[in-house]
Protein backbone atom coordinates (compact mmCIF):
# COMPACT_ATOMS: atom_id res chain seq x y z
CA MET A 1 -35.67 2.02 44.45
CA ALA A 2 -35.02 -1.69 43.99
CA LEU A 3 -35.96 -3.88 46.89
CA PRO A 4 -33.40 -6.37 48.21
CA VAL A 5 -33.95 -10.02 47.36
CA PRO A 6 -35.45 -11.75 50.41
CA PRO A 7 -32.90 -13.85 52.32
CA PRO A 8 -32.99 -17.65 51.98
CA ARG A 9 -35.27 -19.44 54.40
CA ALA A 10 -34.42 -22.62 56.23
CA ALA A 11 -36.23 -25.71 54.99
CA PRO A 12 -38.89 -26.99 57.41
CA GLU A 13 -38.14 -30.20 59.22
CA GLY A 14 -40.39 -33.18 58.77
CA GLY A 15 -43.86 -32.62 57.40
CA PRO A 16 -46.08 -34.86 55.27
CA ALA A 17 -44.74 -36.24 52.02
CA ARG A 18 -46.06 -34.55 48.89
CA GLN A 19 -46.94 -36.48 45.78
CA ASP A 20 -46.49 -35.11 42.28
CA SER A 21 -49.60 -33.52 40.82
CA THR A 22 -50.28 -35.96 37.99
CA GLY A 23 -50.18 -39.30 39.77
CA ARG A 24 -49.64 -41.08 36.44
CA ALA A 25 -47.37 -44.05 36.02
CA GLY A 26 -43.91 -43.41 34.63
CA GLY A 27 -41.27 -45.69 33.26
CA ALA A 28 -43.76 -47.83 31.35
CA GLY A 29 -42.04 -50.85 29.83
CA CYS A 30 -39.05 -50.57 32.18
CA ALA A 31 -38.46 -52.93 35.08
CA GLY A 32 -38.86 -50.99 38.28
CA ARG A 33 -35.74 -52.49 39.82
CA ASP A 34 -33.58 -51.56 36.83
CA LEU A 35 -35.05 -48.09 36.76
CA ALA A 36 -34.31 -47.52 40.43
CA ARG A 37 -30.77 -48.86 40.00
CA TRP A 38 -30.10 -46.44 37.12
CA TYR A 39 -30.90 -43.49 39.37
CA GLU A 40 -29.42 -44.75 42.62
CA GLU A 41 -26.15 -46.14 41.24
CA GLY A 42 -25.67 -43.87 38.23
CA LEU A 43 -26.71 -40.56 39.77
CA GLY A 44 -26.84 -41.18 43.50
CA TRP A 45 -30.47 -40.09 43.62
CA PRO A 46 -32.66 -41.87 46.20
CA THR A 47 -35.84 -43.50 44.92
CA ALA A 48 -39.08 -44.88 46.32
CA ALA A 49 -40.36 -48.23 45.09
CA GLY A 50 -43.35 -48.23 42.78
CA PRO A 51 -45.20 -48.71 40.76
CA PRO A 52 -44.36 -46.15 39.60
CA VAL A 53 -40.79 -45.69 40.80
CA ALA A 54 -40.42 -42.18 42.23
CA LEU A 55 -37.51 -39.81 42.78
CA LEU A 56 -37.34 -38.22 46.23
CA THR A 57 -37.13 -34.44 46.18
CA GLY A 58 -35.49 -32.35 48.86
CA VAL A 59 -32.48 -34.71 49.09
CA ARG A 60 -30.32 -34.08 46.01
CA PHE A 61 -32.60 -31.58 44.25
CA ASP A 62 -35.95 -29.79 44.37
CA ALA A 63 -38.25 -29.34 41.37
CA LEU A 64 -40.17 -26.38 40.00
CA GLU A 65 -43.38 -27.53 38.32
CA LEU A 66 -45.39 -25.57 35.75
CA PRO A 67 -47.79 -26.14 32.83
CA ALA A 68 -46.13 -27.76 29.84
CA ASP A 69 -47.00 -24.95 27.41
CA ALA A 70 -45.50 -22.35 29.72
CA GLY A 71 -42.49 -24.59 30.29
CA ALA A 72 -41.83 -24.96 26.57
CA ALA A 73 -41.80 -21.17 26.17
CA LEU A 74 -39.55 -20.87 29.20
CA LEU A 75 -36.96 -23.29 27.81
CA ARG A 76 -36.85 -21.37 24.52
CA ARG A 77 -36.29 -18.16 26.44
CA ILE A 78 -33.73 -18.94 29.12
CA GLY A 79 -31.43 -21.45 27.43
CA PRO A 80 -29.37 -23.71 29.72
CA THR A 81 -30.97 -25.14 32.85
CA GLY A 82 -30.55 -28.22 34.96
CA PRO A 83 -32.36 -31.45 34.00
CA VAL A 84 -35.97 -30.99 32.82
CA ALA A 85 -38.72 -33.63 32.81
CA LEU A 86 -42.15 -33.75 31.22
CA HIS A 87 -45.04 -35.68 32.75
CA GLY A 88 -48.36 -35.33 30.98
CA ASP A 89 -49.28 -31.64 30.91
CA ARG A 90 -46.74 -30.63 33.58
CA MET A 91 -43.05 -29.82 33.22
CA ARG A 92 -40.51 -30.09 36.04
CA LEU A 93 -37.20 -28.22 36.23
CA LEU A 94 -34.70 -29.52 38.76
CA VAL A 95 -33.21 -26.86 41.04
CA ALA A 96 -30.92 -26.91 44.06
CA VAL A 97 -32.24 -28.21 47.37
CA GLY A 98 -34.09 -25.44 49.18
CA GLY A 99 -35.50 -23.89 46.02
CA ALA A 100 -39.01 -25.11 46.83
CA ASP A 101 -38.95 -23.23 50.13
CA GLU A 102 -37.80 -20.05 48.41
CA LEU A 103 -40.59 -20.06 45.81
CA PRO A 104 -43.40 -18.33 47.78
CA GLY A 105 -41.12 -15.53 48.98
CA LEU A 106 -39.61 -15.00 45.55
CA LEU A 107 -43.04 -14.82 43.91
CA ASP A 108 -44.09 -12.19 46.45
CA TRP A 109 -40.87 -10.21 45.94
CA LEU A 110 -41.29 -10.38 42.16
CA GLU A 111 -44.89 -9.11 42.60
CA TRP A 112 -46.50 -12.35 41.40
CA GLY A 113 -47.88 -13.25 44.82
CA GLY A 114 -51.62 -14.00 44.89
CA ILE A 115 -51.82 -14.51 41.11
CA THR A 116 -52.92 -17.92 39.82
CA LEU A 117 -49.96 -19.15 37.78
CA GLY A 118 -49.88 -22.93 38.13
CA LEU A 119 -46.25 -22.58 39.27
CA THR A 120 -45.51 -24.86 42.22
CA ALA A 121 -42.55 -26.74 43.67
CA LEU A 122 -41.63 -30.11 45.16
CA GLY A 123 -39.14 -30.06 48.01
CA ALA A 124 -38.42 -31.84 51.27
CA GLY A 125 -40.65 -34.88 51.73
CA GLY A 126 -41.90 -34.80 48.13
CA ARG A 127 -41.53 -37.18 45.25
CA MET A 128 -41.86 -37.11 41.47
CA THR A 129 -42.44 -39.97 39.05
CA ALA A 130 -39.09 -41.18 37.72
CA PRO A 131 -38.79 -40.51 33.97
CA VAL A 132 -37.50 -43.21 31.66
CA PRO A 133 -33.73 -42.76 31.18
CA PRO A 134 -32.71 -41.57 27.71
CA ARG A 135 -31.85 -44.10 25.02
CA TRP A 136 -33.22 -47.07 26.92
CA GLY A 137 -35.05 -48.07 23.76
CA ALA A 138 -38.21 -48.89 25.70
CA ALA A 139 -41.61 -47.78 24.46
CA THR A 140 -43.36 -45.47 26.91
CA ALA A 141 -47.08 -45.15 27.44
CA GLN A 142 -48.76 -41.92 26.37
CA GLY A 143 -48.41 -39.40 29.19
CA ALA A 144 -45.51 -41.24 30.87
CA ALA A 145 -42.73 -39.20 32.45
CA VAL A 146 -39.81 -38.50 30.08
CA TRP A 147 -36.66 -36.37 30.16
CA LEU A 148 -36.51 -33.32 27.90
CA ARG A 149 -33.07 -32.36 29.23
CA PRO A 150 -31.79 -35.55 30.86
CA PRO A 151 -29.28 -35.90 33.68
CA VAL A 152 -25.95 -37.50 32.81
CA PRO A 153 -24.57 -40.20 35.14
CA GLY A 154 -21.08 -39.32 36.30
CA ARG A 155 -21.47 -35.65 35.37
CA GLU A 156 -24.69 -34.60 37.11
CA ARG A 157 -23.91 -32.54 40.18
CA GLU A 158 -25.92 -30.37 42.51
CA SER A 159 -23.56 -27.41 42.00
CA ALA A 160 -24.83 -27.07 38.41
CA LEU A 161 -28.49 -26.71 39.41
CA PRO A 162 -30.22 -23.31 39.52
CA ALA A 163 -29.88 -22.00 43.08
CA PHE A 164 -30.58 -18.94 45.17
CA VAL A 165 -27.65 -16.49 45.01
CA PRO A 166 -27.27 -13.19 46.90
CA PHE A 167 -28.50 -10.08 45.12
CA GLY A 168 -25.86 -8.58 42.84
CA GLN A 169 -23.98 -11.79 42.14
CA ARG A 170 -24.01 -13.23 38.63
CA GLY A 171 -25.02 -16.66 37.43
CA GLY A 172 -26.37 -19.74 39.12
CA SER A 173 -24.32 -22.36 40.87
CA GLY A 174 -21.50 -22.74 38.39
CA GLY A 175 -22.99 -24.93 35.66
CA GLY A 176 -24.24 -22.24 33.29
CA ALA A 177 -27.80 -22.48 34.62
CA PRO A 178 -29.65 -19.30 35.64
CA ASP A 179 -29.90 -18.35 39.28
CA LEU A 180 -33.18 -19.18 41.01
CA VAL A 181 -34.43 -15.57 41.07
CA ARG A 182 -34.13 -15.24 37.28
CA LEU A 183 -35.59 -18.68 36.72
CA VAL A 184 -38.64 -18.07 38.92
CA GLY A 185 -39.21 -14.64 37.39
CA ALA A 186 -39.08 -16.01 33.84
CA ALA A 187 -41.25 -19.00 34.77
CA ALA A 188 -43.89 -16.81 36.39
CA LEU A 189 -44.04 -14.58 33.31
CA GLU A 190 -44.44 -17.52 30.92
CA CYS A 191 -47.11 -19.09 33.16
CA HIS A 192 -49.05 -15.84 33.08
CA ARG A 193 -48.70 -15.50 29.30
CA ALA A 194 -49.78 -19.11 28.74
CA ARG A 195 -52.80 -18.62 31.01
CA LEU A 196 -53.90 -15.52 29.08
CA LEU A 197 -53.38 -17.31 25.75
CA ARG A 198 -55.46 -20.28 26.88
CA ARG A 199 -58.21 -17.96 28.07
CA ASN A 200 -58.24 -15.98 24.81
CA THR A 201 -58.25 -19.19 22.76
CA PHE A 202 -61.20 -20.51 24.75
CA ARG A 203 -63.14 -17.28 24.24
CA THR A 204 -62.43 -17.30 20.51
CA ASN A 205 -63.52 -20.93 20.11
CA THR A 206 -66.74 -20.42 22.07
CA GLN A 207 -67.76 -17.00 20.70
CA PRO A 208 -70.92 -17.19 18.49
CA LEU A 209 -70.40 -16.38 14.83
CA ALA A 210 -71.40 -12.84 13.90
CA PHE A 211 -73.36 -12.23 10.74
CA SER A 212 -73.55 -8.87 9.01
């Protein structure tokens, strides 16, 4: 018998600010003031002064964060999502506000609880390095934050981001993106597959040669 999806949980008030996991500078070659203006005026996303300039999570969006190799497989599998950023070896998928608070309960409900996946989230009080906007024509340093699926000023809206929907309802929040349950389930699976692949590759590369 299928278990009901756990109900949404209220986001905690206050709490310490969380930094993104890489801590690397983003927006290399871009003036911090211009970068902040692009986000604040073009998208209405609040920023924190740098360097590097950061986007505040938990205000207009939350972000799921996972290893880049698992993220690449996930994007091939699920198709449309909200905006997606890459920062070093971590990928971030923007989701509706509150998604970060839902992640632990969803992983438990999907029977991924207690398994090391490398799947985390940034929500209220968090921040992520601001990627360089597309087509700025500025060279970026190796490992700098970049958009893989960029937001579009004037068209980006929270209603299009993957969000928690009641069990039995179809779709995400109206923009063609998957609902949060499907997204977390697919992300957890790809994180697990990538982890096994990395482990098997390491064993193969370190195994002594056998001679007959």
